[in-house]
Each structure stands twice: as C-alpha cells, then as structure tokens.
Amino acid sequence: MSRRGPAKKKTVKFDPFCRSRVVNMLVNRMMKHGKKSSAYQIFYRAGIDIRQQTKQNPVYVLRQAISRVIPGVGVKTRKRKRGKTAKVYRVPIKLKFSQAILLAIRWLIGGSRKRSGTSMISQLSSELIDASLKKRCNSIRKKEETLKMAESSRTFAHSRYGNKQKGKKKIKKKS
C-alpha cells in the first residue's frame, strides 16, 4: 500500500493548433506506437474533410459528436461467490463526466477504425460527421448497447458495492 497519498490529477494539455483539450485527448487515444505527429496529421486532415463537407468548424463537430455519444450509465462486472460456484453479474454504475468523455472518445475511434474506407482520415471524418448529425454510426450504436445492458441488469443494482452482509450472522427468532 502506498504511503505517498492519493495521486495528483494531471491536467490535460491543449493541442498546439486548435488550442483544444478535447482534440488532444482524441489524438492521444488515436496514437499508435508513440507516433503523435502522425496522429495529429490524421486529425487535421480529417478536419479539412469535415470543413469541406459540413461548412462547420471541425472542433465544433468533434464536441457535438462527443456530446451525442456520451453515456450516462456504464456497466461493470461483479463476481459473487457462493460456496464453490461463482456467478458474474453486470451491474449498472453511473459514470463520472471525465470517464464518460473518455468512453465516448474511445467509441468514436473504435467506430472509425471499423468503418470501411481507404484511409483513417476518411473513416474518422465520416464517423465524426455521422455522430454529430445523429445519424446511425458505430459509436452511437455502442452507446445504445451499453444503455440496453444497463437497463436489463437494473435488478442487480443493489449488488453494486459487494456483499455487506458477509460477516454478520442472521439471528433466528424464537417461537
């Protein structure tokens, strides 16, 4: 157990061109093998495509897409042991805003990688445009799947914090 205390939260830096933290978060998630400059190139070229197709600011389209994809509720798995057997439950949990933004960015990038297209530039631009205009895209579909899973496993919401009755014995009433 660490004796240094809680970890300090790092502030997300701005990206150099658009001066937006959201763009920097997207580029950091999109980056592979430490190639940040190529990830920035991909986003900026996708931004040019977005500006040509929608006549809007690409950062505005990105923020709109993220706001449409942000989930309100997430699902975590919990394992409950009873004797030798164990059951796995999916428990709905309300997400913090920072966690929800990271999930939305991850879904947008994953949805753009699944798209058919010639390059990551065209895939990313079409995914962001579809997500911002409320069309059907992979990231919005992923959000709806998560909401359905949380809705179906709503009955296990009481087991969110584990079994608190573990050490206590039930007292039998005398009749």
Protein backbone atom coordinates (compact mmCIF):
# COMPACT_ATOMS: atom_id res chain seq x y z
CA MET A 1 0.00 0.00 0.00
CA SER A 2 1.38 3.37 -0.98
CA ARG A 3 2.22 5.89 1.72
CA ARG A 4 2.55 8.84 -0.61
CA GLY A 5 -1.14 9.68 -0.52
CA PRO A 6 -3.59 9.98 -3.39
CA ALA A 7 -2.22 10.52 -6.88
CA LYS A 8 -2.38 14.05 -8.24
CA LYS A 9 -4.69 14.52 -11.18
CA LYS A 10 -2.93 15.52 -14.35
CA THR A 11 -4.41 18.36 -16.31
CA VAL A 12 -4.93 17.61 -19.96
CA LYS A 13 -2.81 19.80 -22.20
CA PHE A 14 -4.05 21.81 -25.15
CA ASP A 15 -3.20 20.78 -28.68
CA PRO A 16 -0.88 23.28 -30.41
CA PHE A 17 -3.02 24.17 -33.42
CA CYS A 18 -6.67 24.23 -32.33
CA ARG A 19 -5.95 25.02 -28.65
CA SER A 20 -8.48 22.44 -27.52
CA ARG A 21 -8.12 19.83 -24.79
CA VAL A 22 -10.67 17.55 -26.44
CA VAL A 23 -8.58 17.37 -29.61
CA ASN A 24 -5.51 16.47 -27.57
CA MET A 25 -7.43 13.72 -25.77
CA LEU A 26 -8.64 12.33 -29.11
CA VAL A 27 -5.16 12.39 -30.62
CA ASN A 28 -3.64 10.67 -27.58
CA ARG A 29 -6.22 7.87 -27.86
CA MET A 30 -5.75 7.60 -31.62
CA MET A 31 -1.95 7.43 -31.42
CA LYS A 32 -0.21 4.12 -32.11
CA HIS A 33 3.40 3.23 -31.26
CA GLY A 34 4.08 6.72 -29.89
CA LYS A 35 3.63 8.47 -33.25
CA LYS A 36 1.86 11.58 -32.07
CA SER A 37 2.74 13.74 -35.07
CA SER A 38 1.13 11.29 -37.50
CA ALA A 39 -1.96 11.13 -35.25
CA TYR A 40 -2.17 14.94 -35.36
CA GLN A 41 -1.82 14.83 -39.16
CA ILE A 42 -4.69 12.36 -39.40
CA PHE A 43 -6.95 14.55 -37.25
CA TYR A 44 -6.09 17.80 -39.06
CA ARG A 45 -6.65 16.24 -42.48
CA ALA A 46 -9.93 14.78 -41.25
CA GLY A 47 -10.76 18.30 -40.04
CA ILE A 48 -10.23 19.59 -43.58
CA ASP A 49 -12.65 16.92 -44.87
CA ILE A 50 -15.20 17.86 -42.20
CA ARG A 51 -14.96 21.56 -43.07
CA GLN A 52 -15.48 20.78 -46.78
CA GLN A 53 -18.49 18.52 -46.19
CA THR A 54 -20.35 20.39 -43.43
CA LYS A 55 -19.06 24.00 -43.71
CA GLN A 56 -18.57 23.97 -39.91
CA ASN A 57 -15.61 24.18 -37.56
CA PRO A 58 -14.14 20.64 -37.09
CA VAL A 59 -13.60 21.19 -33.35
CA TYR A 60 -17.28 22.12 -33.00
CA VAL A 61 -18.27 18.96 -34.91
CA LEU A 62 -15.99 16.89 -32.65
CA ARG A 63 -17.53 18.34 -29.49
CA GLN A 64 -21.03 17.82 -30.82
CA ALA A 65 -20.21 14.20 -31.70
CA ILE A 66 -18.79 13.57 -28.24
CA SER A 67 -21.85 15.11 -26.57
CA ARG A 68 -24.13 12.80 -28.58
CA VAL A 69 -22.08 9.70 -27.77
CA ILE A 70 -21.51 10.33 -24.03
CA PRO A 71 -23.15 7.58 -21.96
CA GLY A 72 -24.91 8.37 -18.70
CA VAL A 73 -24.62 4.88 -17.26
CA GLY A 74 -21.89 2.27 -17.58
CA VAL A 75 -21.81 -1.43 -16.81
CA LYS A 76 -19.24 -3.16 -14.60
CA THR A 77 -18.92 -6.87 -13.95
CA ARG A 78 -19.04 -8.19 -10.40
CA LYS A 79 -18.28 -11.72 -9.32
CA ARG A 80 -20.24 -13.19 -6.44
CA LYS A 81 -19.05 -16.44 -4.90
CA ARG A 82 -21.40 -18.82 -3.16
CA GLY A 83 -19.55 -21.88 -1.98
CA LYS A 84 -17.64 -23.41 -4.88
CA THR A 85 -19.63 -21.70 -7.61
CA ALA A 86 -19.33 -18.11 -8.74
CA LYS A 87 -21.77 -16.01 -10.72
CA VAL A 88 -20.83 -13.00 -12.79
CA TYR A 89 -23.26 -10.08 -12.73
CA ARG A 90 -23.25 -6.94 -14.81
CA VAL A 91 -24.03 -4.03 -12.53
CA PRO A 92 -25.11 -0.60 -13.82
CA ILE A 93 -23.00 2.25 -12.47
CA LYS A 94 -23.36 5.99 -13.01
CA LEU A 95 -20.23 7.34 -14.69
CA LYS A 96 -18.26 10.43 -13.81
CA PHE A 97 -18.13 13.07 -16.52
CA SER A 98 -14.43 12.55 -17.22
CA GLN A 99 -14.92 8.78 -17.55
CA ALA A 100 -17.88 9.32 -19.86
CA ILE A 101 -15.84 11.60 -22.15
CA LEU A 102 -13.03 9.05 -22.33
CA LEU A 103 -15.51 6.30 -23.18
CA ALA A 104 -17.09 8.45 -25.89
CA ILE A 105 -13.69 9.22 -27.44
CA ARG A 106 -12.73 5.54 -27.31
CA TRP A 107 -16.01 4.56 -29.00
CA LEU A 108 -15.58 7.21 -31.71
CA ILE A 109 -12.08 6.00 -32.54
CA GLY A 110 -13.11 2.33 -32.42
CA GLY A 111 -16.11 3.04 -34.64
CA SER A 112 -13.97 4.90 -37.14
CA ARG A 113 -11.46 2.03 -37.27
CA LYS A 114 -14.27 -0.44 -38.00
CA ARG A 115 -15.58 1.66 -40.91
CA SER A 116 -14.85 0.73 -44.47
CA GLY A 117 -12.75 3.36 -46.17
CA THR A 118 -9.49 4.00 -47.88
CA SER A 119 -7.72 5.76 -45.02
CA MET A 120 -8.12 6.62 -41.36
CA ILE A 121 -8.65 10.23 -42.41
CA SER A 122 -11.85 9.49 -44.31
CA GLN A 123 -13.02 6.97 -41.71
CA LEU A 124 -12.56 9.45 -38.83
CA SER A 125 -14.19 12.34 -40.66
CA SER A 126 -17.24 10.30 -41.69
CA GLU A 127 -17.65 8.87 -38.15
CA LEU A 128 -17.50 12.34 -36.58
CA ILE A 129 -19.96 13.77 -39.10
CA ASP A 130 -22.42 10.91 -38.62
CA ALA A 131 -22.16 11.09 -34.82
CA SER A 132 -22.66 14.86 -34.74
CA LEU A 133 -25.66 14.82 -37.08
CA LYS A 134 -27.41 11.99 -35.14
CA LYS A 135 -27.15 9.53 -37.97
CA ARG A 136 -26.55 5.86 -37.42
CA CYS A 137 -22.88 5.19 -36.69
CA ASN A 138 -20.89 2.60 -34.77
CA SER A 139 -20.28 4.81 -31.74
CA ILE A 140 -23.96 5.69 -31.24
CA ARG A 141 -24.83 2.01 -31.66
CA LYS A 142 -22.27 1.17 -28.95
CA LYS A 143 -23.86 3.73 -26.62
CA GLU A 144 -27.32 2.23 -27.18
CA GLU A 145 -25.98 -1.28 -26.49
CA THR A 146 -24.50 -0.11 -23.20
CA LEU A 147 -27.76 1.55 -22.18
CA LYS A 148 -29.69 -1.63 -23.01
CA MET A 149 -27.28 -3.73 -20.96
CA ALA A 150 -27.59 -1.33 -18.02
CA GLU A 151 -31.39 -1.37 -18.32
CA SER A 152 -31.55 -5.17 -18.44
CA SER A 153 -29.23 -5.58 -15.46
CA ARG A 154 -31.01 -2.98 -13.36
CA THR A 155 -32.13 -5.71 -10.96
CA PHE A 156 -28.50 -6.21 -9.82
CA ALA A 157 -28.00 -2.55 -8.94
CA HIS A 158 -28.22 -3.41 -5.24
CA SER A 159 -25.05 -5.54 -5.53
CA ARG A 160 -23.03 -2.55 -6.70
CA TYR A 161 -20.84 -2.41 -3.60
CA GLY A 162 -20.43 -6.12 -2.98
CA ASN A 163 -21.96 -8.21 -0.22
CA LYS A 164 -22.03 -6.17 3.00
CA GLN A 165 -23.81 -8.93 4.98
CA LYS A 166 -20.75 -11.19 4.74
CA GLY A 167 -19.53 -11.14 8.35
CA LYS A 168 -22.94 -10.82 10.03
CA LYS A 169 -24.94 -13.83 11.15
CA LYS A 170 -28.68 -13.90 10.93
CA ILE A 171 -30.45 -14.12 14.25
CA LYS A 172 -33.26 -16.62 14.40
CA LYS A 173 -36.39 -15.62 16.24
CA LYS A 174 -37.62 -17.90 18.98
CA SER A 175 -41.16 -19.01 18.54
